[in-house]
Amino acid sequence: MKNDWNTRTKLVHAGTRRSQYGEVSESIFMTQGFVYETAEDAEARFVALGDDEFIYARYGNPTVRMFEDRIAALEGAEDAFATASGMAAVSGALTSMLKAGDHVVSSRALFGSCLYILEEVLGRFGVSVDFVDGTDIEAWKAAIGPQTRAVFFESISNPTLEVIDIKAVSALAHEVGAIVVADNVFATPIFQRSLELGADVVIYSATKHIDGQGRALGGVILGTREFIRGTVEPYMKHTGGSMSPFTAWIMLKGLETLDLRCRAQAQSASAIAEAVQGNAAVSSVIYPFLKEHPQNALARAQMQKGGTMVSLDIKGGQAAAFRFLNALEVILISNNLGDAKSIATHPATTTHQRLTPEQRASLGIGDGLVRISVGIEDTDDLIWDIMNALKAV
């Protein structure tokens, strides 16, 4: 029997658990608890769970386990823990392993909520955090020391699409025994294997490409079985950040078409970036596979495709950016990403508005920056929509 299935086959079949009815579509086990034949069975299960045994939905559920097993197979991870949201995955992965006195080094170009976890939450509980320019290996080298317990970064930053050298940063972290935690949302599990590049833990907001249709919040933490079941699971099951069975079923359905959607989105994103390049209304187009991108060579070495996100720095600041956004006809104004529908976001006034102007400037988030999450609409229609909207600038 073949054991090494290709990606699309894994996305459809990996981790499937069928009931006695032999259903084709995965079952939703909408139950908070499970019944035991005897009191002795209950006692035994609370002492040690078998591979296909469950005691409470906050601890685990057959539908949730199917999602965990399927995405672990996709990522090449030993195990996974599904969470209620992407931020539950970020906070759970970090807080489950850290304690007062620990040190974390992080790239500074992060989603606003990730910055809040690192700056506010971890700091409040005695964890020290140093932020560095994620593209500067010398800065990582200077910041990582014997006291460093964890290293955190977005493999492609939100929204400026900086690319982190995962191999180099991981090597520095591992020299001192630090755990490397990579948020791989923008790169997607289709285009980049962060574990193979050296990361120890990979995080996804399943809300994004995995669901990909704007239906549900979810997240997942992937890593070694020891880390997932020994560190993450005890923390998550007692703090209540686990995924619901219905959400897990939605994510399973999303995984089936993930490869198809991401490849179509990346193809359109690349075409859009090339088409807008040089437009008089735009000072720069940011896309990892454009030759003008500062980490273009690194992106091509780490990723199969350039991803589904394009950022435009529009001349004229916020007023011009708003004129552009308001003139869009196909692309929606929202703050999600990785959706089948194309979405445009103005980070300075939405996702990163809690930062000071100085902080945003240091991250390259100008008032004219617009982040576009490219969907699965017709490529020519999307290009027309963007070029037409740029006329309003």
Foldseek 3Di string as FASTA:
>chain_A
DDDQDDQLVLLQDWLADDDPVRDRAGDQPQDFADDDPDPVRVVVCVVPNDPPDDGGVLLHDSLLRSLFRSVCSLLVFATKFKFQALVCQLLLLPVLQDAAQAEEEEALQAFQSSCCCQPPVCVVRHYHYHYDNQQDLVRLLVPDDLRHAEYEYACQGPPQGDHHQLLSSLVSCVVNPHAYEYADAQQDSQWFNSVVSRHAKYKYFCCAQLLQANDHGMMMIGHHPCCCVVRRSVVSSVVPGHHHSVVSSSSSVSSSCSNVWWVLLLVLQVVLLVLCPPPPQFPHKDWLCDPPHPCVVSCVVGTPTRGRKMKTQGPPFQVLLVLLQVQFDQEDDDPGANHLGKYKYQCCVPRPVVDDPVSCVVSVRTRRMMMIGGHNPDSVSVNVRNVRSSVSD
